[in-house]
Amino acid sequence: PATTLNELVKVVEDAGWKVTFKANWWTADIPYGLIRIDLQKDGREKILLGKWILGEKCELIRIESLDLERGKDEFFRMVDSITSTLIHDPVIRTMREQY
């Protein structure tokens, strides 16, 4: 998971975006997870969401570039779709309040 996140961060930084937040979420119950990267460039802000599969190599199965508000909503919808137990995670609860 960390390799996949770092590879995606490198791509967006190489494209000139400043990473303001990055995180990776998954659960041991299923072999996939989510990446969230908040970005800024030229006065614009957006969120990049990636879904990945755990395997022998880094594999992103979907990447979405969304405006900030829609990205926040979609991120939490995606987290909820992985498993309802993640929402009880204090880090996720804190993020909901802060973002």
N, C-alpha and C. Protein backbone atom coordinates (compact mmCIF):
# COMPACT_ATOMS: atom_id res chain seq x y z
N PRO A 1 0.80 -1.23 0.00
CA PRO A 1 0.00 0.00 0.00
C PRO A 1 0.83 1.28 0.00
N ALA A 2 1.89 1.32 0.79
CA ALA A 2 2.72 2.54 0.85
C ALA A 2 3.42 2.80 -0.48
N THR A 3 3.87 1.77 -1.14
CA THR A 3 4.53 1.94 -2.44
C THR A 3 3.57 2.53 -3.46
N THR A 4 2.34 2.03 -3.48
CA THR A 4 1.34 2.54 -4.41
C THR A 4 1.06 4.02 -4.14
N LEU A 5 0.90 4.41 -2.88
CA LEU A 5 0.67 5.81 -2.52
C LEU A 5 1.85 6.67 -2.95
N ASN A 6 3.06 6.23 -2.64
CA ASN A 6 4.25 7.01 -2.97
C ASN A 6 4.43 7.18 -4.47
N GLU A 7 4.13 6.16 -5.24
CA GLU A 7 4.23 6.26 -6.71
C GLU A 7 3.25 7.29 -7.25
N LEU A 8 2.02 7.29 -6.74
CA LEU A 8 1.02 8.25 -7.20
C LEU A 8 1.40 9.67 -6.79
N VAL A 9 1.90 9.83 -5.57
CA VAL A 9 2.36 11.15 -5.12
C VAL A 9 3.46 11.67 -6.03
N LYS A 10 4.40 10.82 -6.39
CA LYS A 10 5.50 11.24 -7.28
C LYS A 10 4.97 11.72 -8.63
N VAL A 11 3.99 11.03 -9.17
CA VAL A 11 3.42 11.42 -10.47
C VAL A 11 2.79 12.81 -10.39
N VAL A 12 1.99 13.06 -9.35
CA VAL A 12 1.32 14.37 -9.27
C VAL A 12 2.31 15.49 -8.95
N GLU A 13 3.32 15.20 -8.13
CA GLU A 13 4.33 16.22 -7.86
C GLU A 13 5.14 16.53 -9.12
N ASP A 14 5.45 15.52 -9.91
CA ASP A 14 6.15 15.73 -11.17
C ASP A 14 5.32 16.56 -12.15
N ALA A 15 3.99 16.52 -11.99
CA ALA A 15 3.09 17.30 -12.84
C ALA A 15 2.89 18.73 -12.29
N GLY A 16 3.61 19.05 -11.21
CA GLY A 16 3.58 20.41 -10.69
C GLY A 16 2.58 20.68 -9.57
N TRP A 17 1.92 19.66 -9.06
CA TRP A 17 0.96 19.83 -7.98
C TRP A 17 1.66 19.76 -6.63
N LYS A 18 1.19 20.56 -5.67
CA LYS A 18 1.69 20.51 -4.29
C LYS A 18 0.76 19.61 -3.49
N VAL A 19 1.31 18.60 -2.84
CA VAL A 19 0.53 17.70 -2.00
C VAL A 19 0.36 18.34 -0.63
N THR A 20 -0.90 18.56 -0.23
CA THR A 20 -1.18 19.16 1.08
C THR A 20 -1.65 18.13 2.10
N PHE A 21 -2.07 16.98 1.62
CA PHE A 21 -2.49 15.89 2.50
C PHE A 21 -2.44 14.61 1.69
N LYS A 22 -2.00 13.52 2.34
CA LYS A 22 -2.02 12.22 1.68
C LYS A 22 -2.27 11.15 2.71
N ALA A 23 -3.03 10.15 2.34
CA ALA A 23 -3.33 9.06 3.27
C ALA A 23 -3.77 7.84 2.49
N ASN A 24 -3.69 6.71 3.15
CA ASN A 24 -3.99 5.41 2.56
C ASN A 24 -4.87 4.66 3.56
N TRP A 25 -5.99 4.10 3.13
CA TRP A 25 -6.86 3.33 4.01
C TRP A 25 -7.14 1.96 3.43
N TRP A 26 -7.17 0.97 4.30
CA TRP A 26 -7.55 -0.38 3.92
C TRP A 26 -7.94 -1.14 5.17
N THR A 27 -8.50 -2.29 4.97
CA THR A 27 -8.84 -3.15 6.09
C THR A 27 -8.24 -4.52 5.82
N ALA A 28 -7.90 -5.23 6.85
CA ALA A 28 -7.28 -6.55 6.68
C ALA A 28 -8.26 -7.57 6.10
N ASP A 29 -9.54 -7.25 6.14
CA ASP A 29 -10.56 -8.19 5.68
C ASP A 29 -10.61 -8.34 4.16
N ILE A 30 -10.18 -7.31 3.44
CA ILE A 30 -10.28 -7.33 1.97
C ILE A 30 -8.97 -6.83 1.37
N PRO A 31 -8.62 -7.32 0.18
CA PRO A 31 -7.31 -7.00 -0.40
C PRO A 31 -7.28 -5.73 -1.24
N TYR A 32 -8.02 -4.70 -0.88
CA TYR A 32 -7.91 -3.44 -1.60
C TYR A 32 -8.13 -2.28 -0.65
N GLY A 33 -7.82 -1.08 -1.14
CA GLY A 33 -7.93 0.09 -0.28
C GLY A 33 -8.06 1.35 -1.09
N LEU A 34 -7.95 2.48 -0.37
CA LEU A 34 -8.15 3.80 -0.96
C LEU A 34 -6.96 4.71 -0.67
N ILE A 35 -6.66 5.54 -1.63
CA ILE A 35 -5.67 6.59 -1.48
C ILE A 35 -6.41 7.92 -1.60
N ARG A 36 -6.07 8.85 -0.72
CA ARG A 36 -6.58 10.22 -0.85
C ARG A 36 -5.39 11.16 -0.86
N ILE A 37 -5.33 12.01 -1.88
CA ILE A 37 -4.28 13.02 -1.98
C ILE A 37 -4.96 14.36 -2.25
N ASP A 38 -4.77 15.32 -1.33
CA ASP A 38 -5.28 16.68 -1.52
C ASP A 38 -4.18 17.48 -2.19
N LEU A 39 -4.55 18.24 -3.22
CA LEU A 39 -3.57 18.92 -4.06
C LEU A 39 -3.88 20.40 -4.26
N GLN A 40 -2.83 21.19 -4.50
CA GLN A 40 -2.97 22.60 -4.85
C GLN A 40 -2.03 22.93 -6.00
N LYS A 41 -2.53 23.79 -6.89
CA LYS A 41 -1.68 24.26 -8.00
C LYS A 41 -2.33 25.51 -8.59
N ASP A 42 -1.56 26.59 -8.70
CA ASP A 42 -2.04 27.82 -9.32
C ASP A 42 -3.37 28.29 -8.74
N GLY A 43 -3.51 28.24 -7.42
CA GLY A 43 -4.73 28.70 -6.77
C GLY A 43 -5.90 27.73 -6.83
N ARG A 44 -5.69 26.57 -7.41
CA ARG A 44 -6.74 25.55 -7.49
C ARG A 44 -6.48 24.47 -6.45
N GLU A 45 -7.57 23.90 -5.96
CA GLU A 45 -7.47 22.77 -5.03
C GLU A 45 -8.32 21.63 -5.56
N LYS A 46 -7.81 20.42 -5.38
CA LYS A 46 -8.59 19.25 -5.75
C LYS A 46 -8.16 18.06 -4.92
N ILE A 47 -8.95 17.02 -5.02
CA ILE A 47 -8.65 15.77 -4.33
C ILE A 47 -8.52 14.68 -5.38
N LEU A 48 -7.48 13.90 -5.25
CA LEU A 48 -7.27 12.74 -6.11
C LEU A 48 -7.56 11.50 -5.27
N LEU A 49 -8.48 10.68 -5.75
CA LEU A 49 -8.84 9.44 -5.06
C LEU A 49 -8.41 8.26 -5.91
N GLY A 50 -7.75 7.30 -5.30
CA GLY A 50 -7.33 6.10 -6.02
C GLY A 50 -7.76 4.85 -5.30
N LYS A 51 -8.19 3.87 -6.05
CA LYS A 51 -8.49 2.55 -5.49
C LYS A 51 -7.39 1.61 -5.94
N TRP A 52 -6.90 0.79 -5.02
CA TRP A 52 -5.82 -0.13 -5.36
C TRP A 52 -6.16 -1.54 -4.91
N ILE A 53 -5.46 -2.49 -5.53
CA ILE A 53 -5.59 -3.91 -5.19
C ILE A 53 -4.26 -4.36 -4.61
N LEU A 54 -4.31 -5.08 -3.51
CA LEU A 54 -3.11 -5.61 -2.89
C LEU A 54 -2.66 -6.86 -3.66
N GLY A 55 -1.42 -6.87 -4.07
CA GLY A 55 -0.89 -8.00 -4.83
C GLY A 55 0.62 -7.94 -4.87
N GLU A 56 1.18 -8.63 -5.83
CA GLU A 56 2.63 -8.69 -5.96
C GLU A 56 3.21 -7.41 -6.56
N LYS A 57 2.38 -6.57 -7.17
CA LYS A 57 2.86 -5.33 -7.77
C LYS A 57 1.90 -4.19 -7.42
N CYS A 58 2.35 -2.95 -7.63
CA CYS A 58 1.49 -1.79 -7.41
C CYS A 58 0.43 -1.79 -8.50
N GLU A 59 -0.83 -1.74 -8.11
CA GLU A 59 -1.87 -1.75 -9.12
C GLU A 59 -3.03 -0.86 -8.69
N LEU A 60 -3.17 0.26 -9.37
CA LEU A 60 -4.32 1.13 -9.16
C LEU A 60 -5.41 0.69 -10.11
N ILE A 61 -6.63 0.54 -9.60
CA ILE A 61 -7.72 0.11 -10.47
C ILE A 61 -8.62 1.26 -10.89
N ARG A 62 -8.50 2.40 -10.20
CA ARG A 62 -9.29 3.57 -10.57
C ARG A 62 -8.71 4.80 -9.90
N ILE A 63 -8.66 5.90 -10.66
CA ILE A 63 -8.22 7.18 -10.12
C ILE A 63 -9.26 8.22 -10.52
N GLU A 64 -9.67 9.04 -9.56
CA GLU A 64 -10.62 10.11 -9.83
C GLU A 64 -10.04 11.42 -9.35
N SER A 65 -10.13 12.44 -10.18
CA SER A 65 -9.72 13.79 -9.84
C SER A 65 -11.00 14.61 -9.66
N LEU A 66 -11.21 15.10 -8.42
CA LEU A 66 -12.46 15.77 -8.09
C LEU A 66 -12.20 17.12 -7.44
N ASP A 67 -13.18 18.05 -7.57
CA ASP A 67 -13.05 19.30 -6.85
C ASP A 67 -13.09 18.99 -5.35
N LEU A 68 -12.66 19.94 -4.55
CA LEU A 68 -12.43 19.70 -3.13
C LEU A 68 -13.67 19.17 -2.40
N GLU A 69 -14.81 19.82 -2.54
CA GLU A 69 -16.01 19.40 -1.80
C GLU A 69 -16.53 18.05 -2.29
N ARG A 70 -16.60 17.88 -3.59
CA ARG A 70 -17.07 16.60 -4.12
C ARG A 70 -16.10 15.48 -3.76
N GLY A 71 -14.81 15.79 -3.77
CA GLY A 71 -13.80 14.80 -3.41
C GLY A 71 -13.93 14.33 -1.97
N LYS A 72 -14.22 15.27 -1.06
CA LYS A 72 -14.41 14.89 0.35
C LYS A 72 -15.61 13.94 0.48
N ASP A 73 -16.73 14.32 -0.14
CA ASP A 73 -17.93 13.48 -0.07
C ASP A 73 -17.69 12.10 -0.67
N GLU A 74 -17.03 12.06 -1.81
CA GLU A 74 -16.78 10.78 -2.48
C GLU A 74 -15.82 9.92 -1.67
N PHE A 75 -14.81 10.55 -1.07
CA PHE A 75 -13.88 9.79 -0.25
C PHE A 75 -14.60 9.07 0.88
N PHE A 76 -15.43 9.78 1.62
CA PHE A 76 -16.12 9.15 2.73
C PHE A 76 -17.14 8.12 2.26
N ARG A 77 -17.74 8.33 1.09
CA ARG A 77 -18.62 7.31 0.52
C ARG A 77 -17.84 6.05 0.20
N MET A 78 -16.64 6.22 -0.35
CA MET A 78 -15.80 5.08 -0.68
C MET A 78 -15.33 4.35 0.57
N VAL A 79 -14.96 5.10 1.61
CA VAL A 79 -14.55 4.48 2.88
C VAL A 79 -15.71 3.65 3.43
N ASP A 80 -16.90 4.23 3.41
CA ASP A 80 -18.08 3.50 3.89
C ASP A 80 -18.31 2.23 3.09
N SER A 81 -17.99 2.26 1.80
CA SER A 81 -18.22 1.08 0.96
C SER A 81 -17.24 -0.05 1.25
N ILE A 82 -16.05 0.27 1.79
CA ILE A 82 -15.10 -0.79 2.11
C ILE A 82 -15.65 -1.62 3.26
N THR A 83 -15.97 -0.95 4.33
CA THR A 83 -16.53 -1.66 5.48
C THR A 83 -17.05 -0.64 6.48
N SER A 84 -18.17 -0.91 7.04
CA SER A 84 -18.76 0.02 7.99
C SER A 84 -17.93 0.12 9.27
N THR A 85 -17.09 -0.87 9.56
CA THR A 85 -16.30 -0.82 10.78
C THR A 85 -15.20 0.24 10.72
N LEU A 86 -14.76 0.62 9.53
CA LEU A 86 -13.72 1.65 9.44
C LEU A 86 -14.20 2.99 9.98
N ILE A 87 -15.50 3.26 9.87
CA ILE A 87 -16.00 4.55 10.30
C ILE A 87 -15.85 4.73 11.80
N HIS A 88 -15.66 3.64 12.55
CA HIS A 88 -15.45 3.75 13.98
C HIS A 88 -13.98 4.04 14.32
N ASP A 89 -13.13 4.03 13.32
CA ASP A 89 -11.73 4.35 13.51
C ASP A 89 -11.61 5.82 13.93
N PRO A 90 -10.91 6.12 15.04
CA PRO A 90 -10.82 7.51 15.49
C PRO A 90 -10.15 8.45 14.48
N VAL A 91 -9.23 7.94 13.69
CA VAL A 91 -8.58 8.79 12.67
C VAL A 91 -9.61 9.21 11.64
N ILE A 92 -10.42 8.27 11.17
CA ILE A 92 -11.45 8.59 10.17
C ILE A 92 -12.46 9.58 10.77
N ARG A 93 -12.88 9.34 12.00
CA ARG A 93 -13.85 10.26 12.64
C ARG A 93 -13.26 11.67 12.74
N THR A 94 -11.99 11.76 13.13
CA THR A 94 -11.34 13.06 13.24
C THR A 94 -11.26 13.73 11.87
N MET A 95 -10.94 12.97 10.84
CA MET A 95 -10.87 13.54 9.49
C MET A 95 -12.23 14.07 9.05
N ARG A 96 -13.29 13.35 9.35
CA ARG A 96 -14.64 13.81 9.00
C ARG A 96 -14.91 15.19 9.62
N GLU A 97 -14.46 15.37 10.85
CA GLU A 97 -14.70 16.63 11.54
C GLU A 97 -13.82 17.75 10.97
N GLN A 98 -12.56 17.42 10.63
CA GLN A 98 -11.62 18.44 10.16
C GLN A 98 -11.82 18.80 8.70
N TYR A 99 -12.18 17.83 7.89
CA TYR A 99 -12.28 18.08 6.46
C TYR A 99 -13.72 18.17 6.03
